Every structure is written in C-alpha cells, then in structure tokens.
Amino acid sequence: MNVAIQHILLQILMVLFPIILYLALTSERNQPEKGNLLWGIACASSIALSMLFSIDIYGVLLDIRLVPIFLSFLYGGTLIGVSVTAFTAGLRFIVGGAGAEESIILLLMLAYIIFQFSKTFHSSPIKKKLSLSTLFFIIVTFAYSVVWSVAFEQGIYPLGVFYLVVYIFANVLTVWLAIHLLETFTLKRKLVGELHRKEKMEIVGQLAASVAHEIRNPMTSVRGFIQILQNADNITSDQKNYLTVCITELDRANEIISDYLSLGKKEIDEHSLIKMELGAEARHSAKSLTSFAALQNVALEVDINEEAYILGLPGRIRQMFINLIKNGIEASNSGGTVSISLQKSHDNATIFISDNGQGMDEDQIKNLGLPYYSTKEKGTGLGLMVTLQIITEIGGTWTVRTEKNKGTTFELSFPLFIQSQYHPPDE
C-alpha cells in the first residue's frame, strides 16, 4: 500500500512538472501561436511521463493521463486539445496490450465531453472554475472507472474501494492544483501588464505637464494677437472668419493639452457628471466629421433610433466619439463605410463603431492605448489613449472585435442614468 501511495504522488509530480516548466519558460512576449504550441508540448510530455510511470497494481495499470488532456482543451484550445488527444491515442496504440482499442475509443469519447465542457469554462470566475472542474473530474473519473470495470470485468473495483477513492482523489487534486497554478499565473501576468500600462501613462502625463506651460504661453500670445486682428477695420469678412477658425483651433489645442495632463490620473469627480443623451452626442460627432469622411471617400452610417441617457461630460464624450470615428475613417479603404449604432439594454447603453478596414491582429489589440503606439504610419497613439481614459472616467467599458482584412468594431458600454442615484453638481 505504501508503494502504491508513493507511486500516486509520483504520478501527480509527473503531470505538474511540465506545467510548472511551461509557466517558467513562457512570458507575455510570446506569440499566441508559440505559446499554444509550447502548451501542447507540455501536456503531451505530462501524458508521456504519466504513462511511463503508470502504477501496476495486481496487473492493473493506473495513471492520470486524463488531466493533461483536460487541461489541453481548456488552455490550448480545440486544435491543441485534439492534437494532444491524438498523441495520447497513438501512444496507447504503440504500447498495446489488452483493451488497447477499447481504451482509445473511451478516450475519444471523454475528449469530446471535455471539449463540450471547455465552452463554458472561460466565462466563469476562478473559484467557479475550480469548483466546476473538481466536480466534473469526480464524475468523469468515477464514470471512467465504472465503464472500464463493466467492459473488461476488471479494473478499479477488483482492487477495492480504497484504490478507487485514491485514483479519483489523485485526478481531482492534480486538476485543482494545475488550474489554480495556471489561473494565478494568468492573473499575475495581467496585473503586471496593467501596472506597466499605468506606469507608461504616468510617464506621458509627467512629460505633458513639463512642456504644457511652455506650449501654452506662446499659444496665449498668438490668441491675443489674433483677437486684436479681428477688430481691425482693414480686413475682409472672409479674413475675419479665418481668424475665428484660428481661435477655435487654438482653443481646441489647449483642451487637448489639458486632456494629456490628465493621463494616468482619474481627475473627474463623479459629482461633476451631468445627465446627457448618448445618441445625440454620437450623431453630432458623426455630423462634424462628414466633410472629413467625404475627403477620404468613406461613407458614414448612423443607426441610432432611441434615446439613452447616461452620466458624463458632453465635451469629453464628444472627443471620445470624434477620436474613434476618425480612426475608423482613416482605417477604412476608399469606398468603405464606418457605421455607428446604439443598443440599449435594461441597465446599459452600448455604442458600436465599425469600419471595414484592414483590421488588427492580437498583438495590435494588446497594445491599444499604450503611449506612442499606433497602427497609423504617422500616429502617436495619444488620441486613443485619451479616448480609453475618458471611457473609464465615466464608468464605461470597451471591447474590440476585429478580423484581419475585414474590419474592426469598438463596443463601448455605459451604465444608464438612474434618477435615484443622481446628485446634481451644484448640490
């Protein structure tokens, strides 16, 4: 009995060791395809080691190869899961022995069940993932043991209830430890990435603060002289209109400098937010860009037929829309279309801004919002950086759906205005 327990602990180690090695060797800089390939190799190695050090108890070979197959589907995707399953089936065929064909068939059936389970796995929080996986593996390993016993009139039951319980416990414990390790590692990596992002935003904010004073001083002088020129009697009405445009653009530049100063900081007090109609701001922003879209030979389509009130600042919301719509126009090919639509649910309003441009890959999506990162040749990335800052300032969320050579859709979701929770700014 002591030897059997030692071998079971060795089985757990053989499965966990390649996973720990994978976590040590991979980083967020790895390409997704490379990461998946390494994960598949780690799972295949775990299976090979588990079968190599299988436990021989009165002629019955026990191992926990189901755990790496389970993990390959959950964290590697369908392709890696199928590949690891095929590797396991091939290895079992090479080993041979009694019941090899039946074992392979049973393995394929379990792989299909695991594939179905994986569809609902990633949408769950960590605690639910652990509890669901534990329950799932208790049922799967018990059913696997029963089917094996009935099919071959041997297996776990002839060894006694003790070994049945130990076998199930070993599988469940290994799954729990592996998922806990992987989820903790993923969470830590996300936190580190978010910390790096915030540090970069703070650097940009400090840089902007250091030069804002030097930029604003000459802008103030220029604005003053333009105002003096506007009052001159020897200029035409068209020239006065040009000067008015100059003042408007100077004021706009001053607002942008103020926005850059707020990067990395949440300066907006929620009590300063006012009730505003989201659809109206979207329509107004799209209308202001119609001439720009026409110059780019891009059509603007606005499909907003209902009102959605949120708490925000109209100027900031308008800037957010202008940045995203302008990005969509610039990303679209000549003759393309940028569409803006709104959907309202029970407690949220969601704006969709879509283009049919070149789209983005995973690395580009990952770097969205970083300072000085842009998919445009002469872009700085600061416009989108400010836009994402505005979204979070008013309690919104954003997601990106994109496909290479087909286009990109930004989904912006904001909580709807609730009168009972509203405190006017002057209170």
Protein backbone atom coordinates (compact mmCIF):
# COMPACT_ATOMS: atom_id res chain seq x y z
CA MET A 1 0.00 0.00 0.00
CA ASN A 2 2.82 2.44 0.85
CA VAL A 3 4.47 1.77 -2.51
CA ALA A 4 1.19 2.48 -4.30
CA ILE A 5 0.74 5.84 -2.49
CA GLN A 6 4.31 6.83 -3.35
CA HIS A 7 3.68 5.99 -6.99
CA ILE A 8 0.47 8.06 -6.99
CA LEU A 9 2.37 11.06 -5.62
CA LEU A 10 4.96 10.49 -8.34
CA GLN A 11 2.14 10.49 -10.92
CA ILE A 12 0.96 13.89 -9.66
CA LEU A 13 4.50 15.24 -9.88
CA MET A 14 4.97 13.89 -13.42
CA VAL A 15 1.86 15.75 -14.58
CA LEU A 16 2.58 19.02 -12.77
CA PHE A 17 6.29 19.25 -13.58
CA PRO A 18 5.92 20.04 -17.35
CA ILE A 19 3.19 22.57 -16.50
CA ILE A 20 5.42 24.36 -14.00
CA LEU A 21 8.26 24.29 -16.52
CA TYR A 22 5.91 25.78 -19.15
CA LEU A 23 4.97 28.65 -16.80
CA ALA A 24 8.64 29.30 -16.08
CA LEU A 25 9.62 29.42 -19.75
CA THR A 26 6.72 31.41 -21.19
CA SER A 27 6.11 35.13 -20.89
CA GLU A 28 3.63 37.68 -22.19
CA ARG A 29 6.05 38.44 -25.02
CA ASN A 30 5.48 35.01 -26.58
CA GLN A 31 3.40 34.95 -29.74
CA PRO A 32 -0.02 33.29 -29.14
CA GLU A 33 0.75 30.52 -31.65
CA LYS A 34 4.11 29.83 -29.99
CA GLY A 35 2.50 29.79 -26.54
CA ASN A 36 -0.14 27.29 -27.66
CA LEU A 37 2.50 25.06 -29.23
CA LEU A 38 4.54 25.06 -26.01
CA TRP A 39 1.40 24.30 -24.03
CA GLY A 40 0.63 21.36 -26.29
CA ILE A 41 4.18 20.04 -25.81
CA ALA A 42 3.85 20.44 -22.03
CA CYS A 43 0.57 18.48 -21.96
CA ALA A 44 1.95 15.77 -24.26
CA SER A 45 5.03 15.47 -22.04
CA SER A 46 2.81 15.13 -18.96
CA ILE A 47 0.89 12.31 -20.64
CA ALA A 48 4.04 10.50 -21.72
CA LEU A 49 5.53 10.72 -18.21
CA SER A 50 2.26 9.66 -16.61
CA MET A 51 2.02 6.56 -18.84
CA LEU A 52 5.73 5.83 -18.42
CA PHE A 53 5.42 5.83 -14.63
CA SER A 54 1.98 4.18 -14.54
CA ILE A 55 1.13 2.24 -11.39
CA ASP A 56 0.94 -1.53 -11.67
CA ILE A 57 -1.46 -2.83 -9.02
CA TYR A 58 -2.11 -6.54 -9.34
CA GLY A 59 -1.75 -6.33 -13.13
CA VAL A 60 -3.92 -3.23 -13.50
CA LEU A 61 -2.12 -0.10 -14.82
CA LEU A 62 -3.31 3.21 -13.39
CA ASP A 63 -2.30 6.74 -14.44
CA ILE A 64 -3.79 10.22 -14.55
CA ARG A 65 -3.39 10.93 -18.27
CA LEU A 66 -6.90 12.40 -18.39
CA VAL A 67 -5.71 15.52 -16.53
CA PRO A 68 -3.34 16.82 -19.26
CA ILE A 69 -5.98 16.09 -21.93
CA PHE A 70 -8.48 18.09 -19.89
CA LEU A 71 -6.04 21.00 -19.50
CA SER A 72 -5.03 20.96 -23.17
CA PHE A 73 -8.61 21.73 -24.24
CA LEU A 74 -9.15 24.37 -21.53
CA TYR A 75 -5.96 26.39 -22.02
CA GLY A 76 -4.77 25.44 -25.50
CA GLY A 77 -7.98 25.50 -27.49
CA THR A 78 -9.62 22.94 -29.73
CA LEU A 79 -6.67 22.37 -32.05
CA ILE A 80 -4.21 21.72 -29.22
CA GLY A 81 -6.76 19.58 -27.38
CA VAL A 82 -7.41 17.40 -30.42
CA SER A 83 -3.66 17.13 -31.12
CA VAL A 84 -2.89 16.05 -27.55
CA THR A 85 -5.75 13.54 -27.63
CA ALA A 86 -4.43 12.10 -30.91
CA PHE A 87 -0.95 11.89 -29.38
CA THR A 88 -2.35 10.00 -26.37
CA ALA A 89 -4.32 7.61 -28.59
CA GLY A 90 -1.23 6.97 -30.72
CA LEU A 91 0.91 6.35 -27.66
CA ARG A 92 -1.68 3.95 -26.24
CA PHE A 93 -1.79 2.10 -29.56
CA ILE A 94 2.01 1.77 -29.60
CA VAL A 95 2.06 0.46 -26.01
CA GLY A 96 -0.60 -2.06 -26.99
CA GLY A 97 -1.74 -4.72 -24.61
CA ALA A 98 -5.19 -5.97 -23.69
CA GLY A 99 -8.02 -3.49 -24.27
CA ALA A 100 -5.94 -1.00 -26.29
CA GLU A 101 -8.63 -0.40 -28.93
CA GLU A 102 -11.40 -0.12 -26.36
CA SER A 103 -9.25 2.26 -24.31
CA ILE A 104 -8.72 4.51 -27.33
CA ILE A 105 -12.44 4.61 -28.10
CA LEU A 106 -13.21 5.50 -24.47
CA LEU A 107 -10.51 8.17 -24.59
CA LEU A 108 -12.03 9.79 -27.68
CA MET A 109 -15.48 9.83 -26.06
CA LEU A 110 -14.08 11.54 -22.97
CA ALA A 111 -12.20 14.04 -25.14
CA TYR A 112 -15.49 15.04 -26.76
CA ILE A 113 -17.12 15.51 -23.35
CA ILE A 114 -14.18 17.64 -22.21
CA PHE A 115 -14.44 19.73 -25.41
CA GLN A 116 -18.10 20.48 -24.64
CA PHE A 117 -17.24 21.39 -21.05
CA SER A 118 -14.47 23.79 -22.18
CA LYS A 119 -17.01 26.01 -23.98
CA THR A 120 -18.40 27.29 -20.65
CA PHE A 121 -15.16 27.21 -18.69
CA HIS A 122 -13.52 30.54 -19.61
CA SER A 123 -16.55 32.71 -18.85
CA SER A 124 -16.50 31.67 -15.16
CA PRO A 125 -14.59 33.32 -12.28
CA ILE A 126 -11.62 31.49 -10.77
CA LYS A 127 -13.49 29.98 -7.81
CA LYS A 128 -16.22 28.68 -10.08
CA LYS A 129 -13.64 27.26 -12.48
CA LEU A 130 -12.05 25.31 -9.63
CA SER A 131 -15.34 24.01 -8.26
CA LEU A 132 -16.74 23.09 -11.68
CA SER A 133 -13.52 21.34 -12.70
CA THR A 134 -13.40 19.42 -9.42
CA LEU A 135 -17.00 18.26 -9.74
CA PHE A 136 -16.54 17.45 -13.42
CA PHE A 137 -13.48 15.31 -12.75
CA ILE A 138 -15.08 13.45 -9.87
CA ILE A 139 -17.92 12.44 -12.20
CA VAL A 140 -15.65 11.70 -15.19
CA THR A 141 -13.10 9.58 -13.32
CA PHE A 142 -15.80 7.64 -11.48
CA ALA A 143 -17.70 7.01 -14.72
CA TYR A 144 -14.45 6.06 -16.48
CA SER A 145 -13.71 3.50 -13.74
CA VAL A 146 -17.21 2.04 -13.86
CA VAL A 147 -17.22 1.72 -17.66
CA TRP A 148 -13.78 0.13 -17.61
CA SER A 149 -14.84 -2.35 -14.93
CA VAL A 150 -18.01 -3.34 -16.79
CA ALA A 151 -16.27 -3.60 -20.17
CA PHE A 152 -13.32 -5.72 -19.06
CA GLU A 153 -14.62 -7.32 -15.87
CA GLN A 154 -11.58 -5.93 -14.08
CA GLY A 155 -10.10 -2.50 -13.41
CA ILE A 156 -10.58 -0.40 -10.34
CA TYR A 157 -13.27 -2.29 -8.48
CA PRO A 158 -11.35 -5.56 -8.21
CA LEU A 159 -8.63 -3.61 -6.39
CA GLY A 160 -11.07 -2.43 -3.77
CA VAL A 161 -12.86 0.78 -2.86
CA PHE A 162 -9.67 2.23 -1.35
CA TYR A 163 -7.83 2.34 -4.67
CA LEU A 164 -10.92 3.69 -6.42
CA VAL A 165 -11.08 6.60 -3.96
CA VAL A 166 -7.32 7.19 -4.23
CA TYR A 167 -7.49 7.16 -8.04
CA ILE A 168 -10.31 9.71 -8.11
CA PHE A 169 -8.64 11.84 -5.43
CA ALA A 170 -5.33 11.88 -7.35
CA ASN A 171 -7.04 13.08 -10.53
CA VAL A 172 -9.11 15.71 -8.74
CA LEU A 173 -6.20 17.01 -6.68
CA THR A 174 -3.97 17.28 -9.77
CA VAL A 175 -6.65 19.15 -11.72
CA TRP A 176 -7.26 21.55 -8.83
CA LEU A 177 -3.55 22.28 -8.36
CA ALA A 178 -2.94 22.72 -12.10
CA ILE A 179 -5.88 25.09 -12.64
CA HIS A 180 -5.00 27.07 -9.52
CA LEU A 181 -1.42 27.45 -10.77
CA LEU A 182 -2.47 28.47 -14.29
CA GLU A 183 -5.18 30.90 -13.20
CA THR A 184 -2.93 32.52 -10.58
CA PHE A 185 -0.15 32.88 -13.12
CA THR A 186 -2.54 34.39 -15.69
CA LEU A 187 -3.95 36.84 -13.15
CA LYS A 188 -0.47 37.86 -12.02
CA ARG A 189 0.61 38.42 -15.62
CA LYS A 190 -2.45 40.60 -16.27
CA LEU A 191 -1.76 42.65 -13.14
CA VAL A 192 1.88 43.15 -14.15
CA GLY A 193 0.78 44.20 -17.63
CA GLU A 194 -1.73 46.66 -16.18
CA LEU A 195 0.94 48.04 -13.86
CA HIS A 196 3.30 48.59 -16.80
CA ARG A 197 0.50 50.29 -18.73
CA LYS A 198 -0.24 52.65 -15.84
CA GLU A 199 3.44 53.46 -15.41
CA LYS A 200 3.69 54.40 -19.08
CA MET A 201 0.59 56.58 -18.77
CA GLU A 202 2.08 58.35 -15.77
CA ILE A 203 5.31 58.98 -17.70
CA VAL A 204 3.33 60.54 -20.54
CA GLY A 205 1.37 62.65 -18.06
CA GLN A 206 4.56 63.90 -16.41
CA LEU A 207 6.08 64.65 -19.80
CA ALA A 208 2.99 66.57 -20.86
CA ALA A 209 2.99 68.55 -17.60
CA SER A 210 6.63 69.51 -18.08
CA VAL A 211 6.04 71.02 -21.52
CA ALA A 212 2.44 72.26 -21.20
CA HIS A 213 3.45 75.56 -19.63
CA GLU A 214 5.99 76.28 -22.39
CA ILE A 215 3.43 75.44 -25.08
CA ARG A 216 0.55 77.39 -23.56
CA ASN A 217 2.48 80.63 -23.18
CA PRO A 218 3.08 81.21 -26.91
CA MET A 219 -0.44 79.95 -27.67
CA THR A 220 -1.87 82.59 -25.34
CA SER A 221 0.18 85.29 -27.07
CA VAL A 222 -0.90 84.13 -30.53
CA ARG A 223 -4.55 84.05 -29.48
CA GLY A 224 -4.33 87.57 -28.12
CA PHE A 225 -2.84 88.99 -31.32
CA ILE A 226 -5.47 87.19 -33.42
CA GLN A 227 -8.22 88.79 -31.33
CA ILE A 228 -6.64 92.20 -31.95
CA LEU A 229 -6.54 91.50 -35.69
CA GLN A 230 -10.23 90.57 -35.64
CA ASN A 231 -11.06 94.11 -34.53
CA ALA A 232 -9.06 95.69 -37.36
CA ASP A 233 -11.03 97.69 -39.95
CA ASN A 234 -8.87 96.91 -42.97
CA ILE A 235 -9.60 93.16 -43.26
CA THR A 236 -12.40 91.47 -45.15
CA SER A 237 -15.20 89.41 -43.66
CA ASP A 238 -13.62 86.23 -45.06
CA GLN A 239 -10.35 87.08 -43.34
CA LYS A 240 -12.24 87.62 -40.06
CA ASN A 241 -13.80 84.19 -40.49
CA TYR A 242 -10.34 82.68 -40.98
CA LEU A 243 -9.17 84.37 -37.77
CA THR A 244 -12.20 82.96 -35.94
CA VAL A 245 -11.26 79.49 -37.14
CA CYS A 246 -7.70 80.08 -35.86
CA ILE A 247 -9.01 81.00 -32.40
CA THR A 248 -11.30 77.96 -32.35
CA GLU A 249 -8.43 75.64 -33.25
CA LEU A 250 -6.14 77.24 -30.65
CA ASP A 251 -8.81 76.67 -28.01
CA ARG A 252 -9.16 73.10 -29.21
CA ALA A 253 -5.39 72.58 -28.94
CA ASN A 254 -5.50 73.98 -25.41
CA GLU A 255 -8.22 71.48 -24.49
CA ILE A 256 -6.13 68.63 -25.89
CA ILE A 257 -3.15 69.70 -23.79
CA SER A 258 -5.43 69.62 -20.72
CA ASP A 259 -6.55 66.12 -21.69
CA TYR A 260 -2.97 64.89 -21.94
CA LEU A 261 -2.26 66.30 -18.49
CA SER A 262 -4.97 64.06 -17.08
CA LEU A 263 -3.47 60.85 -18.50
CA GLY A 264 -2.79 58.26 -15.83
CA LYS A 265 -4.99 60.13 -13.34
CA LYS A 266 -8.70 59.99 -12.69
CA GLU A 267 -9.39 63.65 -12.08
CA ILE A 268 -13.09 63.76 -12.86
CA ASP A 269 -15.24 63.86 -9.75
CA GLU A 270 -18.33 61.72 -10.29
CA HIS A 271 -20.40 64.54 -8.78
CA SER A 272 -19.37 66.77 -11.71
CA LEU A 273 -21.01 64.42 -14.24
CA ILE A 274 -24.30 65.54 -15.72
CA LYS A 275 -27.22 63.80 -17.39
CA MET A 276 -26.72 63.66 -21.14
CA GLU A 277 -28.13 61.84 -24.16
CA LEU A 278 -25.53 59.48 -25.60
CA GLY A 279 -27.13 59.06 -29.04
CA ALA A 280 -27.32 62.82 -29.62
CA GLU A 281 -23.59 63.21 -28.92
CA ALA A 282 -22.80 60.35 -31.29
CA ARG A 283 -24.92 61.90 -34.08
CA HIS A 284 -23.37 65.34 -33.50
CA SER A 285 -19.84 63.92 -33.61
CA ALA A 286 -20.52 61.95 -36.79
CA LYS A 287 -22.02 65.04 -38.44
CA SER A 288 -18.92 67.09 -37.63
CA LEU A 289 -16.79 64.51 -39.48
CA THR A 290 -18.89 64.22 -42.65
CA SER A 291 -16.57 66.51 -44.66
CA PHE A 292 -13.50 64.58 -43.49
CA ALA A 293 -15.17 61.28 -44.43
CA ALA A 294 -16.08 62.67 -47.86
CA LEU A 295 -12.47 63.66 -48.50
CA GLN A 296 -11.44 60.07 -47.68
CA ASN A 297 -14.27 58.66 -49.87
CA VAL A 298 -15.74 56.87 -46.85
CA ALA A 299 -19.47 56.73 -46.07
CA LEU A 300 -20.76 57.43 -42.56
CA GLU A 301 -23.84 55.48 -41.50
CA VAL A 302 -25.59 56.40 -38.24
CA ASP A 303 -28.27 54.00 -36.99
CA ILE A 304 -29.45 55.49 -33.69
CA ASN A 305 -33.22 55.44 -33.23
CA GLU A 306 -33.62 55.53 -29.46
CA GLU A 307 -32.54 57.75 -26.59
CA ALA A 308 -30.06 56.56 -23.97
CA TYR A 309 -29.27 58.85 -21.05
CA ILE A 310 -26.02 58.44 -19.12
CA LEU A 311 -23.91 60.48 -16.71
CA GLY A 312 -20.94 62.13 -18.39
CA LEU A 313 -19.39 65.34 -19.66
CA PRO A 314 -20.60 66.28 -23.17
CA GLY A 315 -17.24 67.74 -24.25
CA ARG A 316 -15.33 64.65 -23.20
CA ILE A 317 -17.88 62.27 -24.72
CA ARG A 318 -17.77 64.19 -27.99
CA GLN A 319 -13.99 63.99 -28.03
CA MET A 320 -14.22 60.23 -27.47
CA PHE A 321 -16.61 59.80 -30.40
CA ILE A 322 -14.60 62.03 -32.72
CA ASN A 323 -11.38 60.13 -31.99
CA LEU A 324 -12.93 56.70 -32.61
CA ILE A 325 -14.95 57.69 -35.69
CA LYS A 326 -11.95 59.49 -37.19
CA ASN A 327 -9.79 56.41 -36.55
CA GLY A 328 -12.40 54.28 -38.30
CA ILE A 329 -12.46 56.61 -41.32
CA GLU A 330 -8.67 56.57 -41.58
CA ALA A 331 -8.58 52.77 -41.24
CA SER A 332 -11.19 52.24 -43.98
CA ASN A 333 -10.31 51.75 -47.61
CA SER A 334 -11.53 54.16 -50.25
CA GLY A 335 -15.20 53.44 -50.82
CA GLY A 336 -15.53 51.91 -47.35
CA THR A 337 -18.11 52.51 -44.65
CA VAL A 338 -17.99 53.49 -40.97
CA SER A 339 -21.19 52.68 -39.10
CA ILE A 340 -22.32 53.96 -35.70
CA SER A 341 -25.20 52.25 -33.90
CA LEU A 342 -26.68 52.11 -30.41
CA GLN A 343 -28.31 49.29 -28.47
CA LYS A 344 -29.98 49.77 -25.11
CA SER A 345 -30.48 47.02 -22.55
CA HIS A 346 -32.05 47.09 -19.11
CA ASP A 347 -29.14 48.87 -17.41
CA ASN A 348 -26.58 49.64 -20.14
CA ALA A 349 -26.24 51.55 -23.38
CA THR A 350 -23.80 50.12 -25.92
CA ILE A 351 -22.36 52.06 -28.85
CA PHE A 352 -20.92 50.13 -31.81
CA ILE A 353 -18.42 51.90 -34.09
CA SER A 354 -17.46 49.66 -37.01
CA ASP A 355 -15.25 50.01 -40.06
CA ASN A 356 -14.41 47.64 -42.91
CA GLY A 357 -10.69 48.40 -42.99
CA GLN A 358 -7.65 46.18 -42.57
CA GLY A 359 -8.43 45.02 -39.03
CA MET A 360 -5.86 44.21 -36.36
CA ASP A 361 -4.02 41.19 -35.04
CA GLU A 362 -3.83 40.10 -31.39
CA ASP A 363 -0.60 41.96 -30.69
CA GLN A 364 -2.03 45.21 -32.03
CA ILE A 365 -5.15 44.84 -29.89
CA LYS A 366 -3.00 44.10 -26.87
CA ASN A 367 -1.05 47.35 -27.33
CA LEU A 368 -4.07 49.59 -27.87
CA GLY A 369 -3.97 52.57 -25.54
CA LEU A 370 -0.24 52.48 -24.93
CA PRO A 371 1.54 55.82 -25.35
CA TYR A 372 3.12 56.35 -28.76
CA TYR A 373 1.73 53.07 -30.10
CA SER A 374 -0.35 53.47 -33.25
CA THR A 375 -1.31 51.38 -36.26
CA LYS A 376 -1.15 54.55 -38.39
CA GLU A 377 2.08 55.49 -40.09
CA LYS A 378 2.25 58.97 -38.55
CA GLY A 379 0.11 58.32 -35.49
CA THR A 380 1.19 58.88 -31.89
CA GLY A 381 -1.40 56.70 -30.15
CA LEU A 382 -2.20 59.54 -27.74
CA GLY A 383 -5.66 60.13 -29.22
CA LEU A 384 -6.81 56.58 -28.47
CA MET A 385 -5.06 56.73 -25.12
CA VAL A 386 -7.15 59.76 -24.16
CA THR A 387 -10.28 58.07 -25.53
CA LEU A 388 -9.86 54.97 -23.36
CA GLN A 389 -9.16 57.21 -20.38
CA ILE A 390 -12.45 59.05 -21.00
CA ILE A 391 -14.37 55.76 -21.15
CA THR A 392 -13.06 54.58 -17.78
CA GLU A 393 -13.52 58.01 -16.18
CA ILE A 394 -17.30 57.80 -16.54
CA GLY A 395 -17.56 54.13 -15.56
CA GLY A 396 -17.73 52.65 -19.05
CA THR A 397 -16.09 49.58 -20.55
CA TRP A 398 -14.76 48.84 -24.02
CA THR A 399 -14.04 45.78 -26.10
CA VAL A 400 -12.68 45.29 -29.61
CA ARG A 401 -13.80 42.74 -32.18
CA THR A 402 -11.62 42.59 -35.26
CA GLU A 403 -10.73 40.36 -38.16
CA LYS A 404 -7.81 40.85 -40.49
CA ASN A 405 -8.78 42.39 -43.85
CA LYS A 406 -12.44 42.58 -42.79
CA GLY A 407 -12.61 45.40 -40.28
CA THR A 408 -12.85 46.37 -36.63
CA THR A 409 -15.70 47.10 -34.22
CA PHE A 410 -15.34 49.07 -30.99
CA GLU A 411 -18.05 48.29 -28.42
CA LEU A 412 -18.47 50.97 -25.76
CA SER A 413 -20.81 50.17 -22.89
CA PHE A 414 -22.02 52.75 -20.34
CA PRO A 415 -24.39 52.42 -17.36
CA LEU A 416 -27.72 54.09 -17.99
CA PHE A 417 -28.75 57.14 -15.98
CA ILE A 418 -30.67 56.31 -12.79
CA GLN A 419 -32.50 59.27 -11.27
CA SER A 420 -32.40 57.96 -7.70
CA GLN A 421 -28.60 57.71 -7.79
CA TYR A 422 -28.03 61.13 -9.33
CA HIS A 423 -26.61 64.04 -7.33
CA PRO A 424 -26.52 67.30 -9.32
CA PRO A 425 -23.13 69.11 -9.42
CA ASP A 426 -24.42 72.13 -7.51
CA GLU A 427 -25.56 70.08 -4.52
